[in-house]
Amino acid sequence: MRLAIFTDIHSNLEALEASYKALKTVGFDKAVCIGDIVGYGANPRECIDFLRDREVMSVKGNHDHYVTQERKVWDIQPYAREAICWTQDVLDEDHVDWLRKLPYLLEVEGALFVHSSLEALDGEYWPYILDPKSALFHFFLQDVQFAFFGHTHIPLFFNYDENNKISIEILKTRTIPKDSRSQYLINPGSVGQPRDFDSRSAVVIFDTEERKIEVIRVEYDIRKTQDKILEVGLPKILAERLSRGS
């Protein structure tokens, strides 16, 4: 089974369309989105419709969660809150209800998919897994060999070996040996707002039979996305950072 896996679209329709086209070109059987479909960008409604129309299996990210909640002082950056409030204003109840019903966790073909960490599956907080220590809390709860997450916007590869040692590296295309006894936690990076200083969208194909993880970087019309963000009055930083990939 070939799984197309992507995350953190953040209402970036141009990046989503280009990424999905690239995934279709290489071919896949099922598609999974690991959350943060909305937030930051100017096309939340269109991105939701894109996933719904193609029956992409999706989990709920923190921005998806916030959009479905009453407004309060969330512990997030002011520009992120401004984008969430704007998104609440432009989405109709049907789109908000779709986000509200998304699960926090999915299991597909024996692999787990969670936006932030298995440590937190109730929307109360959203840990960032960026080092072995933060990954350990997740691995304590991972009962399968492969799990995928998002949230950090950085393509990462964690290996929890049979000696209980965790290693971390930037995700690259690789094949996992069939005799491996390690557990793996994989972040494909971000579709709509990469933060690894590469402005291209990041997605992966996971072949469950060959155990191959293929990293795909995709060019898209960044300028068009930036212009849309500025036209609707969202914070300038949300447009500028797309060029930097940060």
Protein backbone atom coordinates (compact mmCIF):
# COMPACT_ATOMS: atom_id res chain seq x y z
CA MET A 1 0.00 0.00 0.00
CA ARG A 2 1.33 3.41 -0.99
CA LEU A 3 0.29 6.17 1.40
CA ALA A 4 0.55 9.83 0.45
CA ILE A 5 1.24 11.68 3.70
CA PHE A 6 1.27 15.43 4.26
CA THR A 7 0.58 17.95 6.99
CA ASP A 8 0.36 21.62 7.97
CA ILE A 9 -1.35 22.98 4.87
CA HIS A 10 -2.32 26.18 6.70
CA SER A 11 -4.84 27.40 4.14
CA ASN A 12 -2.18 27.53 1.41
CA LEU A 13 -4.17 26.40 -1.62
CA GLU A 14 -1.38 26.84 -4.17
CA ALA A 15 0.98 24.62 -2.17
CA LEU A 16 -1.75 22.02 -1.60
CA GLU A 17 -2.71 21.81 -5.26
CA ALA A 18 0.91 21.55 -6.42
CA SER A 19 1.74 18.95 -3.78
CA TYR A 20 -1.26 16.78 -4.51
CA LYS A 21 -0.46 16.90 -8.23
CA ALA A 22 3.10 15.75 -7.51
CA LEU A 23 1.80 12.91 -5.35
CA LYS A 24 -0.63 11.82 -8.04
CA THR A 25 2.22 11.81 -10.54
CA VAL A 26 4.22 9.27 -8.52
CA GLY A 27 1.05 7.39 -7.56
CA PHE A 28 -0.56 6.40 -4.26
CA ASP A 29 -3.44 4.31 -2.93
CA LYS A 30 -4.60 6.41 0.03
CA ALA A 31 -3.90 9.96 1.22
CA VAL A 32 -3.58 11.09 4.84
CA CYS A 33 -3.39 14.66 6.13
CA ILE A 34 -1.90 15.04 9.62
CA GLY A 35 -3.66 18.27 10.57
CA ASP A 36 -3.48 22.06 10.55
CA ILE A 37 -5.50 22.32 7.41
CA VAL A 38 -6.37 25.93 8.24
CA GLY A 39 -4.65 28.91 9.88
CA TYR A 40 -2.15 31.49 8.57
CA GLY A 41 -3.24 31.44 4.91
CA ALA A 42 -6.04 33.01 2.89
CA ASN A 43 -7.89 29.93 1.56
CA PRO A 44 -9.23 27.88 4.49
CA ARG A 45 -12.56 27.10 2.83
CA GLU A 46 -10.94 25.98 -0.43
CA CYS A 47 -8.40 23.76 1.35
CA ILE A 48 -11.11 22.04 3.37
CA ASP A 49 -13.17 21.47 0.22
CA PHE A 50 -10.09 20.13 -1.59
CA LEU A 51 -9.59 17.43 1.06
CA ARG A 52 -13.27 16.63 1.38
CA ASP A 53 -13.78 16.31 -2.37
CA ARG A 54 -10.89 13.84 -2.57
CA GLU A 55 -11.84 11.97 0.61
CA VAL A 56 -8.43 12.55 2.18
CA MET A 57 -8.30 11.00 5.65
CA SER A 58 -7.39 13.75 8.11
CA VAL A 59 -6.63 14.34 11.77
CA LYS A 60 -7.20 17.53 13.73
CA GLY A 61 -4.34 19.97 14.25
CA ASN A 62 -4.10 22.73 16.83
CA HIS A 63 -5.21 25.44 14.39
CA ASP A 64 -8.14 23.29 13.28
CA HIS A 65 -9.02 22.84 16.95
CA TYR A 66 -8.75 26.55 17.82
CA VAL A 67 -11.01 27.53 14.93
CA THR A 68 -13.80 25.38 16.40
CA GLN A 69 -13.49 26.95 19.88
CA GLU A 70 -14.79 30.13 21.45
CA ARG A 71 -12.26 32.92 21.28
CA LYS A 72 -9.98 33.26 24.30
CA VAL A 73 -6.39 34.14 25.11
CA TRP A 74 -4.65 31.10 23.64
CA ASP A 75 -0.96 30.66 24.44
CA ILE A 76 0.12 31.36 20.87
CA GLN A 77 1.75 34.14 18.87
CA PRO A 78 -0.47 37.22 18.31
CA TYR A 79 -0.28 36.84 14.52
CA ALA A 80 -1.43 33.21 14.84
CA ARG A 81 -4.41 34.27 16.93
CA GLU A 82 -5.28 36.99 14.44
CA ALA A 83 -5.26 34.42 11.63
CA ILE A 84 -7.45 32.03 13.63
CA CYS A 85 -10.01 34.76 14.36
CA TRP A 86 -10.02 35.77 10.68
CA THR A 87 -10.53 32.12 9.70
CA GLN A 88 -13.48 31.84 12.09
CA ASP A 89 -15.03 34.87 10.42
CA VAL A 90 -14.75 33.53 6.86
CA LEU A 91 -15.72 29.88 7.40
CA ASP A 92 -19.36 28.86 7.44
CA GLU A 93 -20.73 26.45 10.03
CA ASP A 94 -20.52 23.48 7.68
CA HIS A 95 -16.74 23.88 7.33
CA VAL A 96 -16.27 24.51 11.05
CA ASP A 97 -18.35 21.44 11.88
CA TRP A 98 -16.19 19.32 9.55
CA LEU A 99 -13.07 20.48 11.39
CA ARG A 100 -14.76 19.87 14.75
CA LYS A 101 -15.48 16.23 13.87
CA LEU A 102 -11.92 15.39 12.83
CA PRO A 103 -10.24 12.83 15.11
CA TYR A 104 -7.06 13.55 17.03
CA LEU A 105 -5.63 10.18 16.03
CA LEU A 106 -5.87 7.85 13.04
CA GLU A 107 -4.52 4.38 12.36
CA VAL A 108 -4.08 3.56 8.67
CA GLU A 109 -2.45 0.36 7.39
CA GLY A 110 -0.92 -0.28 10.79
CA ALA A 111 0.66 3.17 11.12
CA LEU A 112 -0.44 5.90 13.54
CA PHE A 113 -1.09 9.52 12.57
CA VAL A 114 -1.23 12.32 15.14
CA HIS A 115 -0.70 16.03 14.66
CA SER A 116 1.44 16.78 17.70
CA SER A 117 2.15 13.79 19.95
CA LEU A 118 0.46 10.74 21.45
CA GLU A 119 1.24 12.46 24.75
CA ALA A 120 -1.73 14.80 24.19
CA LEU A 121 -4.90 13.79 22.38
CA ASP A 122 -7.53 16.08 23.86
CA GLY A 123 -6.70 19.53 22.49
CA GLU A 124 -5.61 20.85 25.89
CA TYR A 125 -2.00 21.24 24.82
CA TRP A 126 0.14 20.52 21.77
CA PRO A 127 3.73 19.40 22.49
CA TYR A 128 6.49 20.07 19.97
CA ILE A 129 8.63 17.01 19.26
CA LEU A 130 12.00 18.46 18.30
CA ASP A 131 14.52 16.40 20.26
CA PRO A 132 14.94 12.93 21.83
CA LYS A 133 13.56 14.06 25.20
CA SER A 134 10.26 15.32 23.80
CA ALA A 135 10.03 12.26 21.52
CA LEU A 136 10.40 9.88 24.47
CA PHE A 137 6.99 10.76 25.90
CA HIS A 138 5.45 9.91 22.55
CA PHE A 139 7.35 6.63 22.15
CA PHE A 140 6.14 5.48 25.57
CA LEU A 141 2.65 5.38 24.01
CA GLN A 142 3.47 4.20 20.47
CA ASP A 143 2.52 0.53 20.19
CA VAL A 144 3.21 0.11 16.47
CA GLN A 145 6.44 0.38 14.51
CA PHE A 146 5.58 3.47 12.44
CA ALA A 147 3.96 6.74 13.47
CA PHE A 148 3.73 10.06 11.63
CA PHE A 149 3.27 13.54 13.09
CA GLY A 150 3.31 17.19 12.08
CA HIS A 151 3.17 20.47 14.03
CA THR A 152 6.88 21.41 13.85
CA HIS A 153 6.90 22.09 10.07
CA ILE A 154 10.32 20.40 9.87
CA PRO A 155 10.91 17.02 8.15
CA LEU A 156 12.33 14.84 10.92
CA PHE A 157 13.10 11.16 11.46
CA PHE A 158 13.24 9.64 14.96
CA ASN A 159 14.52 6.12 15.63
CA TYR A 160 13.77 4.44 19.00
CA ASP A 161 15.96 1.36 18.99
CA GLU A 162 15.84 -1.89 20.94
CA ASN A 163 18.29 -0.46 23.49
CA ASN A 164 15.85 2.36 24.28
CA LYS A 165 18.06 4.94 22.59
CA ILE A 166 16.49 7.69 20.49
CA SER A 167 18.27 9.23 17.52
CA ILE A 168 17.06 12.14 15.39
CA GLU A 169 17.98 13.36 11.91
CA ILE A 170 16.52 15.34 9.04
CA LEU A 171 14.14 13.16 7.06
CA LYS A 172 15.54 11.82 3.79
CA THR A 173 14.34 9.15 1.39
CA ARG A 174 15.14 5.76 2.88
CA THR A 175 14.05 2.14 3.14
CA ILE A 176 13.56 0.59 6.58
CA PRO A 177 15.08 -2.92 6.86
CA LYS A 178 12.44 -5.60 7.33
CA ASP A 179 14.35 -7.09 10.24
CA SER A 180 14.48 -3.78 12.12
CA ARG A 181 13.21 -3.92 15.70
CA SER A 182 13.18 -0.14 16.13
CA GLN A 183 10.16 2.09 16.28
CA TYR A 184 9.99 5.13 14.02
CA LEU A 185 8.40 8.55 14.33
CA ILE A 186 8.35 10.56 11.12
CA ASN A 187 7.46 14.16 10.27
CA PRO A 188 7.03 14.82 6.53
CA GLY A 189 7.47 18.58 6.97
CA SER A 190 4.90 21.18 5.96
CA VAL A 191 2.88 21.70 2.79
CA GLY A 192 1.91 25.30 3.35
CA GLN A 193 4.54 26.79 5.65
CA PRO A 194 7.89 24.93 5.72
CA ARG A 195 10.31 25.94 8.48
CA ASP A 196 13.48 24.09 7.45
CA PHE A 197 14.73 27.03 5.35
CA ASP A 198 13.48 25.37 2.18
CA SER A 199 10.47 27.23 0.80
CA ARG A 200 9.24 24.25 -1.21
CA SER A 201 6.30 22.20 0.02
CA ALA A 202 7.24 18.90 1.68
CA VAL A 203 5.28 15.63 1.39
CA VAL A 204 6.11 11.92 1.54
CA ILE A 205 5.07 8.60 0.06
CA PHE A 206 5.22 5.66 2.47
CA ASP A 207 5.20 2.25 0.80
CA THR A 208 4.06 -0.10 3.56
CA GLU A 209 5.19 -3.25 1.74
CA GLU A 210 8.60 -2.04 0.60
CA ARG A 211 8.91 -0.01 3.84
CA LYS A 212 10.22 2.90 1.81
CA ILE A 213 9.76 6.53 2.79
CA GLU A 214 10.11 8.81 -0.22
CA VAL A 215 10.55 12.54 0.40
CA ILE A 216 9.13 14.88 -2.25
CA ARG A 217 9.75 18.64 -2.36
CA VAL A 218 7.45 20.68 -4.57
CA GLU A 219 7.73 24.17 -6.04
CA TYR A 220 4.56 26.28 -6.04
CA ASP A 221 3.50 29.85 -6.75
CA ILE A 222 4.63 31.47 -3.51
CA ARG A 223 4.06 35.01 -4.78
CA LYS A 224 0.40 34.28 -5.51
CA THR A 225 -0.08 32.89 -2.00
CA GLN A 226 1.65 35.92 -0.47
CA ASP A 227 -0.48 38.35 -2.45
CA LYS A 228 -3.65 36.64 -1.22
CA ILE A 229 -2.53 36.84 2.41
CA LEU A 230 -1.86 40.57 2.10
CA GLU A 231 -5.05 41.26 0.14
CA VAL A 232 -7.28 39.88 2.90
CA GLY A 233 -5.42 41.85 5.57
CA LEU A 234 -3.64 39.03 7.42
CA PRO A 235 -0.34 39.88 9.18
CA LYS A 236 2.53 40.65 6.81
CA ILE A 237 4.84 38.16 8.53
CA LEU A 238 2.64 35.29 7.35
CA ALA A 239 3.40 36.22 3.76
CA GLU A 240 7.07 37.09 4.23
CA ARG A 241 8.09 33.87 5.96
CA LEU A 242 6.94 31.74 3.01
CA SER A 243 9.86 33.00 0.93
CA ARG A 244 12.34 32.15 3.67
CA GLY A 245 10.95 28.73 4.52
CA SER A 246 11.09 29.66 8.19
